[in-house]
C-alpha atoms as a PDB file:
ATOM      1  CA  UNK A   1      10.514  -2.503  27.298  1.00  0.00           C
ATOM      2  CA  UNK A   2      10.726  -6.264  27.866  1.00  0.00           C
ATOM      3  CA  UNK A   3       8.217  -6.105  30.721  1.00  0.00           C
ATOM      4  CA  UNK A   4       5.844  -4.081  28.546  1.00  0.00           C
ATOM      5  CA  UNK A   5       6.181  -6.550  25.679  1.00  0.00           C
ATOM      6  CA  UNK A   6       5.473  -9.419  28.068  1.00  0.00           C
ATOM      7  CA  UNK A   7       2.200  -7.845  29.212  1.00  0.00           C
ATOM      8  CA  UNK A   8       1.309  -7.019  25.604  1.00  0.00           C
ATOM      9  CA  UNK A   9       1.851 -10.639  24.545  1.00  0.00           C
ATOM     10  CA  UNK A  10      -0.267 -11.795  27.482  1.00  0.00           C
ATOM     11  CA  UNK A  11      -3.092  -9.497  26.387  1.00  0.00           C
ATOM     12  CA  UNK A  12      -2.818  -7.238  29.428  1.00  0.00           C
ATOM     13  CA  UNK A  13      -2.903  -4.126  27.305  1.00  0.00           C
ATOM     14  CA  UNK A  14      -3.361  -1.463  29.981  1.00  0.00           C
ATOM     15  CA  UNK A  15      -0.392  -2.789  31.959  1.00  0.00           C
ATOM     16  CA  UNK A  16       1.619  -2.850  28.741  1.00  0.00           C
ATOM     17  CA  UNK A  17       0.774   0.815  28.127  1.00  0.00           C
ATOM     18  CA  UNK A  18       1.735   1.669  31.709  1.00  0.00           C
ATOM     19  CA  UNK A  19       5.138   0.007  31.411  1.00  0.00           C
ATOM     20  CA  UNK A  20       5.805   1.540  27.993  1.00  0.00           C
ATOM     21  CA  UNK A  21       4.970   4.959  29.418  1.00  0.00           C
ATOM     22  CA  UNK A  22       7.228   4.382  32.411  1.00  0.00           C
ATOM     23  CA  UNK A  23      10.076   3.318  30.107  1.00  0.00           C
ATOM     24  CA  UNK A  24       9.539   6.433  27.998  1.00  0.00           C
ATOM     25  CA  UNK A  25       9.622   8.750  31.016  1.00  0.00           C
ATOM     26  CA  UNK A  26      12.809   7.125  32.306  1.00  0.00           C
ATOM     27  CA  UNK A  27      14.576   7.176  28.951  1.00  0.00           C
ATOM     28  CA  UNK A  28      17.396   9.668  28.631  1.00  0.00           C
ATOM     29  CA  UNK A  29      18.443   8.919  25.070  1.00  0.00           C
ATOM     30  CA  UNK A  30      16.322  10.301  22.232  1.00  0.00           C
ATOM     31  CA  UNK A  31      16.904   7.111  20.240  1.00  0.00           C
ATOM     32  CA  UNK A  32      15.342   5.064  23.037  1.00  0.00           C
ATOM     33  CA  UNK A  33      12.427   7.479  23.381  1.00  0.00           C
ATOM     34  CA  UNK A  34      11.679   7.048  19.668  1.00  0.00           C
ATOM     35  CA  UNK A  35      11.655   3.262  19.971  1.00  0.00           C
ATOM     36  CA  UNK A  36       9.265   3.382  22.906  1.00  0.00           C
ATOM     37  CA  UNK A  37       6.952   5.915  21.255  1.00  0.00           C
ATOM     38  CA  UNK A  38       6.758   3.755  18.139  1.00  0.00           C
ATOM     39  CA  UNK A  39       5.881   0.743  20.292  1.00  0.00           C
ATOM     40  CA  UNK A  40       3.136   2.724  22.058  1.00  0.00           C
ATOM     41  CA  UNK A  41       1.745   4.087  18.788  1.00  0.00           C
ATOM     42  CA  UNK A  42       1.784   0.634  17.224  1.00  0.00           C
ATOM     43  CA  UNK A  43      -0.098  -0.814  20.194  1.00  0.00           C
ATOM     44  CA  UNK A  44      -2.715   1.947  20.028  1.00  0.00           C
ATOM     45  CA  UNK A  45      -3.060   1.216  16.316  1.00  0.00           C
ATOM     46  CA  UNK A  46      -3.414  -2.502  17.015  1.00  0.00           C
ATOM     47  CA  UNK A  47      -6.208  -1.682  19.460  1.00  0.00           C
ATOM     48  CA  UNK A  48      -7.863   0.539  16.820  1.00  0.00           C
ATOM     49  CA  UNK A  49      -7.390   3.568  19.046  1.00  0.00           C
ATOM     50  CA  UNK A  50      -6.363   5.631  16.058  1.00  0.00           C
ATOM     51  CA  UNK A  51      -6.570   9.123  17.564  1.00  0.00           C
ATOM     52  CA  UNK A  52      -4.171   8.132  20.318  1.00  0.00           C
ATOM     53  CA  UNK A  53      -1.992   6.361  17.790  1.00  0.00           C
ATOM     54  CA  UNK A  54      -1.865   9.492  15.620  1.00  0.00           C
ATOM     55  CA  UNK A  55      -0.986  11.676  18.576  1.00  0.00           C
ATOM     56  CA  UNK A  56       1.858   9.342  19.542  1.00  0.00           C
ATOM     57  CA  UNK A  57       3.231   9.022  16.004  1.00  0.00           C
ATOM     58  CA  UNK A  58       3.240  12.827  15.707  1.00  0.00           C
ATOM     59  CA  UNK A  59       5.111  13.057  18.994  1.00  0.00           C
ATOM     60  CA  UNK A  60       7.650  10.600  17.620  1.00  0.00           C
ATOM     61  CA  UNK A  61       7.884  12.598  14.381  1.00  0.00           C
ATOM     62  CA  UNK A  62       9.110  15.596  16.380  1.00  0.00           C
ATOM     63  CA  UNK A  63      12.105  13.485  17.436  1.00  0.00           C
ATOM     64  CA  UNK A  64      12.876  12.064  13.977  1.00  0.00           C
ATOM     65  CA  UNK A  65      16.320  13.001  12.727  1.00  0.00           C
ATOM     66  CA  UNK A  66      16.712  11.264   9.358  1.00  0.00           C
ATOM     67  CA  UNK A  67      14.735  11.229   6.127  1.00  0.00           C
ATOM     68  CA  UNK A  68      14.124   7.521   6.593  1.00  0.00           C
ATOM     69  CA  UNK A  69      12.628   8.061  10.051  1.00  0.00           C
ATOM     70  CA  UNK A  70      10.515  10.991   8.872  1.00  0.00           C
ATOM     71  CA  UNK A  71       9.038   9.147   5.900  1.00  0.00           C
ATOM     72  CA  UNK A  72       8.482   5.948   7.874  1.00  0.00           C
ATOM     73  CA  UNK A  73       6.574   7.765  10.618  1.00  0.00           C
ATOM     74  CA  UNK A  74       4.603   9.890   8.159  1.00  0.00           C
ATOM     75  CA  UNK A  75       3.583   6.739   6.310  1.00  0.00           C
ATOM     76  CA  UNK A  76       2.336   5.271   9.590  1.00  0.00           C
ATOM     77  CA  UNK A  77       0.362   8.462  10.190  1.00  0.00           C
ATOM     78  CA  UNK A  78      -1.140   8.167   6.709  1.00  0.00           C
ATOM     79  CA  UNK A  79      -2.105   4.561   7.463  1.00  0.00           C
ATOM     80  CA  UNK A  80      -4.018   5.707  10.542  1.00  0.00           C
ATOM     81  CA  UNK A  81      -5.936   8.196   8.414  1.00  0.00           C
ATOM     82  CA  UNK A  82      -6.808   5.371   6.035  1.00  0.00           C
ATOM     83  CA  UNK A  83      -8.071   3.272   8.945  1.00  0.00           C
ATOM     84  CA  UNK A  84     -10.181   6.251  10.009  1.00  0.00           C
ATOM     85  CA  UNK A  85     -11.621   6.441   6.485  1.00  0.00           C
ATOM     86  CA  UNK A  86      -9.990   9.802   5.847  1.00  0.00           C
ATOM     87  CA  UNK A  87      -8.049   9.031   2.657  1.00  0.00           C
ATOM     88  CA  UNK A  88      -7.636  12.671   1.619  1.00  0.00           C
ATOM     89  CA  UNK A  89      -5.705  13.368   4.816  1.00  0.00           C
ATOM     90  CA  UNK A  90      -3.458  10.415   3.975  1.00  0.00           C
ATOM     91  CA  UNK A  91      -2.874  11.865   0.505  1.00  0.00           C
ATOM     92  CA  UNK A  92      -1.850  15.168   2.103  1.00  0.00           C
ATOM     93  CA  UNK A  93       0.822  13.292   4.060  1.00  0.00           C
ATOM     94  CA  UNK A  94       2.161  11.623   0.913  1.00  0.00           C
ATOM     95  CA  UNK A  95       2.208  14.996  -0.859  1.00  0.00           C
ATOM     96  CA  UNK A  96       4.364  16.308   1.988  1.00  0.00           C
ATOM     97  CA  UNK A  97       6.856  13.479   1.491  1.00  0.00           C
ATOM     98  CA  UNK A  98       6.953  14.056  -2.279  1.00  0.00           C
ATOM     99  CA  UNK A  99       7.572  17.767  -1.741  1.00  0.00           C
ATOM    100  CA  UNK A 100      10.176  17.298   1.000  1.00  0.00           C
ATOM    101  CA  UNK A 101      12.148  14.518  -0.725  1.00  0.00           C
ATOM    102  CA  UNK A 102      11.643  15.003  -4.489  1.00  0.00           C
ATOM    103  CA  UNK A 103      13.031  12.402  -6.895  1.00  0.00           C
ATOM    104  CA  UNK A 104      14.022  10.054  -4.070  1.00  0.00           C
ATOM    105  CA  UNK A 105      12.905   6.499  -3.292  1.00  0.00           C
ATOM    106  CA  UNK A 106      10.825   7.958  -0.464  1.00  0.00           C
ATOM    107  CA  UNK A 107       8.952  10.200  -2.900  1.00  0.00           C
ATOM    108  CA  UNK A 108       8.504   7.288  -5.309  1.00  0.00           C
ATOM    109  CA  UNK A 109       6.892   5.117  -2.659  1.00  0.00           C
ATOM    110  CA  UNK A 110       4.701   8.041  -1.549  1.00  0.00           C
ATOM    111  CA  UNK A 111       3.603   8.574  -5.152  1.00  0.00           C
ATOM    112  CA  UNK A 112       2.688   4.889  -5.462  1.00  0.00           C
ATOM    113  CA  UNK A 113       0.724   4.906  -2.203  1.00  0.00           C
ATOM    114  CA  UNK A 114      -1.057   8.092  -3.262  1.00  0.00           C
ATOM    115  CA  UNK A 115      -2.116   6.471  -6.542  1.00  0.00           C
ATOM    116  CA  UNK A 116      -3.188   3.365  -4.638  1.00  0.00           C
ATOM    117  CA  UNK A 117      -5.476   5.420  -2.376  1.00  0.00           C
ATOM    118  CA  UNK A 118      -7.265   6.969  -5.353  1.00  0.00           C
ATOM    119  CA  UNK A 119      -7.545   3.489  -6.870  1.00  0.00           C
ATOM    120  CA  UNK A 120      -8.475   1.270  -3.917  1.00  0.00           C
ATOM    121  CA  UNK A 121     -10.132   3.588  -1.403  1.00  0.00           C
ATOM    122  CA  UNK A 122     -11.537   6.667  -3.133  1.00  0.00           C
ATOM    123  CA  UNK A 123     -12.186   4.747  -6.366  1.00  0.00           C
ATOM    124  CA  UNK A 124     -11.498   7.809  -8.489  1.00  0.00           C
ATOM    125  CA  UNK A 125     -10.105   5.745 -11.344  1.00  0.00           C
ATOM    126  CA  UNK A 126      -9.301   8.647 -13.674  1.00  0.00           C
ATOM    127  CA  UNK A 127      -7.268  10.324 -10.945  1.00  0.00           C
ATOM    128  CA  UNK A 128      -5.620   7.019 -10.078  1.00  0.00           C
ATOM    129  CA  UNK A 129      -4.523   6.537 -13.699  1.00  0.00           C
ATOM    130  CA  UNK A 130      -2.976  10.005 -13.714  1.00  0.00           C
ATOM    131  CA  UNK A 131      -1.088   9.313 -10.497  1.00  0.00           C
ATOM    132  CA  UNK A 132       0.160   5.888 -11.671  1.00  0.00           C
ATOM    133  CA  UNK A 133       1.324   7.459 -14.952  1.00  0.00           C
ATOM    134  CA  UNK A 134       3.147  10.152 -13.005  1.00  0.00           C
ATOM    135  CA  UNK A 135       4.849   7.403 -10.993  1.00  0.00           C
ATOM    136  CA  UNK A 136       5.977   5.608 -14.155  1.00  0.00           C
ATOM    137  CA  UNK A 137       7.316   8.823 -15.670  1.00  0.00           C
ATOM    138  CA  UNK A 138       9.072  10.300 -12.643  1.00  0.00           C
ATOM    139  CA  UNK A 139      10.170   7.198 -10.705  1.00  0.00           C
ATOM    140  CA  UNK A 140      11.168   4.572 -13.307  1.00  0.00           C
ATOM    141  CA  UNK A 141      13.199   2.595 -10.758  1.00  0.00           C
ATOM    142  CA  UNK A 142      10.298   2.059  -8.376  1.00  0.00           C
ATOM    143  CA  UNK A 143       9.600  -1.612  -7.618  1.00  0.00           C
ATOM    144  CA  UNK A 144       6.076  -1.412  -9.068  1.00  0.00           C
ATOM    145  CA  UNK A 145       7.525  -0.479 -12.451  1.00  0.00           C
ATOM    146  CA  UNK A 146      10.352  -3.006 -12.513  1.00  0.00           C
ATOM    147  CA  UNK A 147       7.522  -5.499 -12.255  1.00  0.00           C
ATOM    148  CA  UNK A 148       4.450  -4.271 -14.132  1.00  0.00           C
ATOM    149  CA  UNK A 149       2.269  -3.760 -11.090  1.00  0.00           C
ATOM    150  CA  UNK A 150       1.599  -0.100 -11.862  1.00  0.00           C
ATOM    151  CA  UNK A 151       0.707  -1.011 -15.443  1.00  0.00           C
ATOM    152  CA  UNK A 152      -1.684  -3.681 -14.148  1.00  0.00           C
ATOM    153  CA  UNK A 153      -3.282  -1.063 -11.901  1.00  0.00           C
ATOM    154  CA  UNK A 154      -3.742   1.327 -14.815  1.00  0.00           C
ATOM    155  CA  UNK A 155      -5.305  -1.426 -16.906  1.00  0.00           C
ATOM    156  CA  UNK A 156      -7.611  -2.371 -14.030  1.00  0.00           C
ATOM    157  CA  UNK A 157      -8.669   1.266 -13.623  1.00  0.00           C
ATOM    158  CA  UNK A 158      -9.584   1.464 -17.322  1.00  0.00           C
ATOM    159  CA  UNK A 159     -11.469  -1.805 -16.846  1.00  0.00           C
ATOM    160  CA  UNK A 160     -13.439  -0.307 -13.939  1.00  0.00           C
ATOM    161  CA  UNK A 161     -14.243   2.707 -16.133  1.00  0.00           C
ATOM    162  CA  UNK A 162     -15.491   0.315 -18.838  1.00  0.00           C
ATOM    163  CA  UNK A 163     -12.840   1.680 -21.205  1.00  0.00           C
ATOM    164  CA  UNK A 164     -12.167  -1.821 -22.416  1.00  0.00           C
ATOM    165  CA  UNK A 165      -9.983  -1.042 -25.418  1.00  0.00           C
ATOM    166  CA  UNK A 166      -7.696   1.139 -23.299  1.00  0.00           C
ATOM    167  CA  UNK A 167      -7.429  -1.647 -20.740  1.00  0.00           C
ATOM    168  CA  UNK A 168      -6.625  -4.190 -23.436  1.00  0.00           C
ATOM    169  CA  UNK A 169      -3.855  -1.978 -24.828  1.00  0.00           C
ATOM    170  CA  UNK A 170      -2.161  -1.881 -21.427  1.00  0.00           C
ATOM    171  CA  UNK A 171      -2.540  -5.621 -20.934  1.00  0.00           C
ATOM    172  CA  UNK A 172      -1.062  -6.194 -24.421  1.00  0.00           C
ATOM    173  CA  UNK A 173       1.890  -4.020 -23.428  1.00  0.00           C
ATOM    174  CA  UNK A 174       2.453  -6.270 -20.417  1.00  0.00           C
ATOM    175  CA  UNK A 175       2.245  -9.367 -22.626  1.00  0.00           C
ATOM    176  CA  UNK A 176       4.869  -7.944 -24.984  1.00  0.00           C
ATOM    177  CA  UNK A 177       7.283  -6.730 -22.315  1.00  0.00           C
ATOM    178  CA  UNK A 178       6.985  -9.573 -19.783  1.00  0.00           C
ATOM    179  CA  UNK A 179       6.825 -12.828 -21.775  1.00  0.00           C
ATOM    180  CA  UNK A 180       6.819 -16.180 -19.991  1.00  0.00           C
ATOM    181  CA  UNK A 181       5.844 -14.676 -16.634  1.00  0.00           C
ATOM    182  CA  UNK A 182       2.787 -14.792 -14.413  1.00  0.00           C
ATOM    183  CA  UNK A 183       2.182 -11.169 -15.430  1.00  0.00           C
ATOM    184  CA  UNK A 184       1.792 -12.271 -19.044  1.00  0.00           C
ATOM    185  CA  UNK A 185      -0.619 -15.032 -18.001  1.00  0.00           C
ATOM    186  CA  UNK A 186      -2.658 -12.611 -15.921  1.00  0.00           C
ATOM    187  CA  UNK A 187      -2.830 -10.038 -18.739  1.00  0.00           C
ATOM    188  CA  UNK A 188      -3.981 -12.645 -21.279  1.00  0.00           C
ATOM    189  CA  UNK A 189      -6.644 -13.873 -18.887  1.00  0.00           C
ATOM    190  CA  UNK A 190      -7.925 -10.348 -18.289  1.00  0.00           C
ATOM    191  CA  UNK A 191      -8.219  -9.733 -22.027  1.00  0.00           C
ATOM    192  CA  UNK A 192     -10.124 -13.006 -22.329  1.00  0.00           C
ATOM    193  CA  UNK A 193     -12.576 -11.971 -19.609  1.00  0.00           C
ATOM    194  CA  UNK A 194     -13.072  -8.508 -21.089  1.00  0.00           C
ATOM    195  CA  UNK A 195     -13.826  -9.875 -24.550  1.00  0.00           C
ATOM    196  CA  UNK A 196     -15.987 -12.802 -23.452  1.00  0.00           C
ATOM    197  CA  UNK A 197     -17.888 -11.175 -20.604  1.00  0.00           C
ATOM    198  CA  UNK A 198     -17.507  -7.428 -19.996  1.00  0.00           C
ATOM    199  CA  UNK A 199     -17.956  -6.332 -23.594  1.00  0.00           C
ATOM    200  CA  UNK A 200     -21.140  -8.391 -23.664  1.00  0.00           C
ATOM    201  CA  UNK A 201     -22.451  -6.792 -20.476  1.00  0.00           C
ATOM    202  CA  UNK A 202     -21.947  -9.931 -18.419  1.00  0.00           C
ATOM    203  CA  UNK A 203     -20.147 -10.550 -15.128  1.00  0.00           C
ATOM    204  CA  UNK A 204     -17.461 -13.214 -14.945  1.00  0.00           C
ATOM    205  CA  UNK A 205     -18.679 -15.953 -12.569  1.00  0.00           C
ATOM    206  CA  UNK A 206     -16.270 -16.510  -9.639  1.00  0.00           C
ATOM    207  CA  UNK A 207     -16.059 -20.219 -10.411  1.00  0.00           C
ATOM    208  CA  UNK A 208     -14.962 -19.414 -13.957  1.00  0.00           C
ATOM    209  CA  UNK A 209     -12.245 -17.102 -12.646  1.00  0.00           C
ATOM    210  CA  UNK A 210     -10.862 -19.797 -10.357  1.00  0.00           C
ATOM    211  CA  UNK A 211     -11.135 -22.513 -13.003  1.00  0.00           C
ATOM    212  CA  UNK A 212      -9.332 -20.493 -15.663  1.00  0.00           C
ATOM    213  CA  UNK A 213      -6.589 -19.365 -13.275  1.00  0.00           C
ATOM    214  CA  UNK A 214      -5.822 -22.957 -12.380  1.00  0.00           C
ATOM    215  CA  UNK A 215      -5.899 -24.013 -16.014  1.00  0.00           C
ATOM    216  CA  UNK A 216      -3.278 -21.469 -17.050  1.00  0.00           C
ATOM    217  CA  UNK A 217      -1.028 -22.057 -14.061  1.00  0.00           C
ATOM    218  CA  UNK A 218      -1.961 -19.200 -11.779  1.00  0.00           C
ATOM    219  CA  UNK A 219      -3.172 -21.728  -9.202  1.00  0.00           C
ATOM    220  CA  UNK A 220      -5.147 -20.003  -6.423  1.00  0.00           C
ATOM    221  CA  UNK A 221      -4.594 -16.506  -7.630  1.00  0.00           C
ATOM    222  CA  UNK A 222      -2.634 -13.935  -9.526  1.00  0.00           C
ATOM    223  CA  UNK A 223       0.396 -11.999  -8.455  1.00  0.00           C
ATOM    224  CA  UNK A 224      -0.804 -10.246  -5.335  1.00  0.00           C
ATOM    225  CA  UNK A 225       0.495  -7.034  -3.868  1.00  0.00           C
ATOM    226  CA  UNK A 226      -0.318  -6.013  -0.333  1.00  0.00           C
ATOM    227  CA  UNK A 227       0.811  -3.117   1.806  1.00  0.00           C
ATOM    228  CA  UNK A 228       1.179  -4.234   5.401  1.00  0.00           C
ATOM    229  CA  UNK A 229       2.973  -2.469   8.215  1.00  0.00           C
ATOM    230  CA  UNK A 230       4.399  -0.036   5.648  1.00  0.00           C
ATOM    231  CA  UNK A 231       6.035  -2.882   3.713  1.00  0.00           C
ATOM    232  CA  UNK A 232       5.098  -3.982   0.246  1.00  0.00           C
ATOM    233  CA  UNK A 233       4.490  -7.729   0.133  1.00  0.00           C
ATOM    234  CA  UNK A 234       4.325  -9.424  -3.262  1.00  0.00           C
ATOM    235  CA  UNK A 235       3.436 -13.028  -3.824  1.00  0.00           C
ATOM    236  CA  UNK A 236       3.185 -15.139  -6.945  1.00  0.00           C
ATOM    237  CA  UNK A 237       0.653 -17.813  -6.025  1.00  0.00           C
END
């Protein structure tokens, strides 16, 4: 493994693959085989060789022995489908997790990611709202509900649909339930933009967005949420 990592870090990718493969073939323990397969799949993914990455992740899935391993690998498989611009296949994977591990944290995260795909990739905002609402109802302890990220997403979906009053109602809910936070500031700003620009058929100029965010203490941006390497990264800028 160390030799393979060395070649990978040096940019000698084919040699890295060769050493990973050799390590895999010489491994006797299943636990070690899983580690090597994940490293190979990750490297394929890094090289944007998604078919080979998918094949390797699926091979690793056959060796998975815990719910955590299964859901982690399936999420990586779903990510590859997203990279291949096949979001519906990714949704099928998340539906499998929800069905296999109902009412668990794994199902909650899968439900969130499913809603996010409809929202960010397919841009079916009505469907996204339904999926976010299902998340709020069935997984109240999910991180995106403890902070109002899912509510923000619902409001933003209504905004995209030009259902401005519905969006405002959700933003007002955030203002009421999360006073003195960046979420409150963001919600108030969104209502301001909707009333002053969107309802009048105008687009908010980018320079106005940046100026107003700085004025109200959101500095360079709002609370951001990013999914990277199957981890949710939040940042209050």
